[in-house]
Amino acid sequence: MKGFVKGLVTLLLISFAFFLGFHLGKEKVKDKIPKFQDDLDRPA
């Protein structure tokens, strides 16, 4: 039973780290994309 709980916690930590890295990676990609909406808001 103790080994099962330890494995479950390990799996939970690994999946949390994966999703955290995935989220931060998406934020970095979004920052590289220029913001076209800001250009449209400015009056010509």
N, C-alpha and C. Protein backbone atom coordinates (compact mmCIF):
# COMPACT_ATOMS: atom_id res chain seq x y z
N MET A 1 0.83 -1.20 0.00
CA MET A 1 0.00 0.00 0.00
C MET A 1 0.87 1.26 0.00
N LYS A 2 1.98 1.23 0.75
CA LYS A 2 2.85 2.39 0.84
C LYS A 2 3.49 2.68 -0.52
N GLY A 3 3.87 1.61 -1.23
CA GLY A 3 4.47 1.78 -2.56
C GLY A 3 3.48 2.37 -3.55
N PHE A 4 2.22 2.00 -3.42
CA PHE A 4 1.18 2.53 -4.31
C PHE A 4 1.01 4.03 -4.10
N VAL A 5 0.97 4.47 -2.85
CA VAL A 5 0.79 5.89 -2.54
C VAL A 5 2.00 6.68 -3.04
N LYS A 6 3.20 6.12 -2.84
CA LYS A 6 4.41 6.79 -3.28
C LYS A 6 4.43 6.92 -4.81
N GLY A 7 4.00 5.89 -5.50
CA GLY A 7 3.93 5.94 -6.96
C GLY A 7 2.90 6.94 -7.45
N LEU A 8 1.79 7.01 -6.74
CA LEU A 8 0.73 7.96 -7.10
C LEU A 8 1.21 9.40 -6.92
N VAL A 9 1.89 9.68 -5.83
CA VAL A 9 2.42 11.02 -5.58
C VAL A 9 3.47 11.37 -6.62
N THR A 10 4.33 10.42 -6.97
CA THR A 10 5.36 10.66 -7.98
C THR A 10 4.72 10.97 -9.32
N LEU A 11 3.72 10.21 -9.69
CA LEU A 11 3.02 10.44 -10.96
C LEU A 11 2.35 11.81 -10.96
N LEU A 12 1.77 12.18 -9.85
CA LEU A 12 1.11 13.49 -9.73
C LEU A 12 2.13 14.62 -9.88
N LEU A 13 3.28 14.50 -9.25
CA LEU A 13 4.31 15.54 -9.36
C LEU A 13 4.87 15.65 -10.77
N ILE A 14 5.08 14.53 -11.42
CA ILE A 14 5.59 14.55 -12.79
C ILE A 14 4.58 15.19 -13.73
N SER A 15 3.31 14.84 -13.59
CA SER A 15 2.29 15.42 -14.47
C SER A 15 2.13 16.91 -14.19
N PHE A 16 2.23 17.33 -12.93
CA PHE A 16 2.13 18.75 -12.60
C PHE A 16 3.29 19.53 -13.22
N ALA A 17 4.50 18.97 -13.13
CA ALA A 17 5.67 19.63 -13.71
C ALA A 17 5.53 19.72 -15.23
N PHE A 18 4.99 18.67 -15.85
CA PHE A 18 4.79 18.69 -17.30
C PHE A 18 3.81 19.79 -17.71
N PHE A 19 2.67 19.86 -17.03
CA PHE A 19 1.67 20.87 -17.39
C PHE A 19 2.16 22.29 -17.10
N LEU A 20 2.93 22.45 -16.04
CA LEU A 20 3.49 23.76 -15.73
C LEU A 20 4.47 24.19 -16.83
N GLY A 21 5.33 23.29 -17.26
CA GLY A 21 6.27 23.60 -18.34
C GLY A 21 5.54 23.86 -19.65
N PHE A 22 4.51 23.10 -19.91
CA PHE A 22 3.72 23.28 -21.13
C PHE A 22 3.07 24.66 -21.15
N HIS A 23 2.51 25.07 -20.01
CA HIS A 23 1.85 26.38 -19.90
C HIS A 23 2.85 27.51 -20.09
N LEU A 24 4.01 27.41 -19.43
CA LEU A 24 5.02 28.45 -19.55
C LEU A 24 5.58 28.51 -20.97
N GLY A 25 5.69 27.37 -21.62
CA GLY A 25 6.16 27.34 -23.00
C GLY A 25 5.18 28.02 -23.93
N LYS A 26 3.88 27.83 -23.70
CA LYS A 26 2.88 28.51 -24.53
C LYS A 26 2.94 30.01 -24.34
N GLU A 27 3.19 30.47 -23.11
CA GLU A 27 3.29 31.91 -22.85
C GLU A 27 4.48 32.51 -23.60
N LYS A 28 5.60 31.79 -23.67
CA LYS A 28 6.76 32.30 -24.39
C LYS A 28 6.48 32.42 -25.87
N VAL A 29 5.77 31.44 -26.43
CA VAL A 29 5.43 31.48 -27.85
C VAL A 29 4.49 32.65 -28.13
N LYS A 30 3.54 32.90 -27.22
CA LYS A 30 2.61 34.01 -27.40
C LYS A 30 3.34 35.34 -27.39
N ASP A 31 4.39 35.47 -26.56
CA ASP A 31 5.14 36.72 -26.48
C ASP A 31 5.89 37.01 -27.78
N LYS A 32 6.27 35.97 -28.52
CA LYS A 32 7.00 36.16 -29.78
C LYS A 32 6.10 36.68 -30.89
N ILE A 33 4.80 36.43 -30.78
CA ILE A 33 3.87 36.85 -31.83
C ILE A 33 3.58 38.34 -31.65
N PRO A 34 3.77 39.15 -32.69
CA PRO A 34 3.48 40.58 -32.56
C PRO A 34 1.99 40.81 -32.33
N LYS A 35 1.69 41.86 -31.59
CA LYS A 35 0.29 42.16 -31.26
C LYS A 35 -0.30 43.06 -32.34
N PHE A 36 -1.05 42.46 -33.24
CA PHE A 36 -1.66 43.21 -34.33
C PHE A 36 -2.86 44.02 -33.84
N GLN A 37 -3.49 43.57 -32.77
CA GLN A 37 -4.68 44.27 -32.27
C GLN A 37 -4.31 45.67 -31.78
N ASP A 38 -3.13 45.84 -31.22
CA ASP A 38 -2.71 47.16 -30.74
C ASP A 38 -2.62 48.15 -31.90
N ASP A 39 -2.19 47.67 -33.07
CA ASP A 39 -2.08 48.55 -34.23
C ASP A 39 -3.46 49.01 -34.71
N LEU A 40 -4.46 48.16 -34.57
CA LEU A 40 -5.80 48.51 -35.04
C LEU A 40 -6.46 49.52 -34.11
N ASP A 41 -6.09 49.52 -32.84
CA ASP A 41 -6.72 50.43 -31.88
C ASP A 41 -6.26 51.87 -32.05
N ARG A 42 -5.08 52.09 -32.61
CA ARG A 42 -4.59 53.45 -32.79
C ARG A 42 -5.32 54.17 -33.91
N PRO A 43 -5.71 55.40 -33.71
CA PRO A 43 -6.35 56.14 -34.81
C PRO A 43 -5.36 56.44 -35.93
N ALA A 44 -5.82 56.40 -37.16
CA ALA A 44 -4.94 56.59 -38.32
C ALA A 44 -4.60 58.05 -38.50
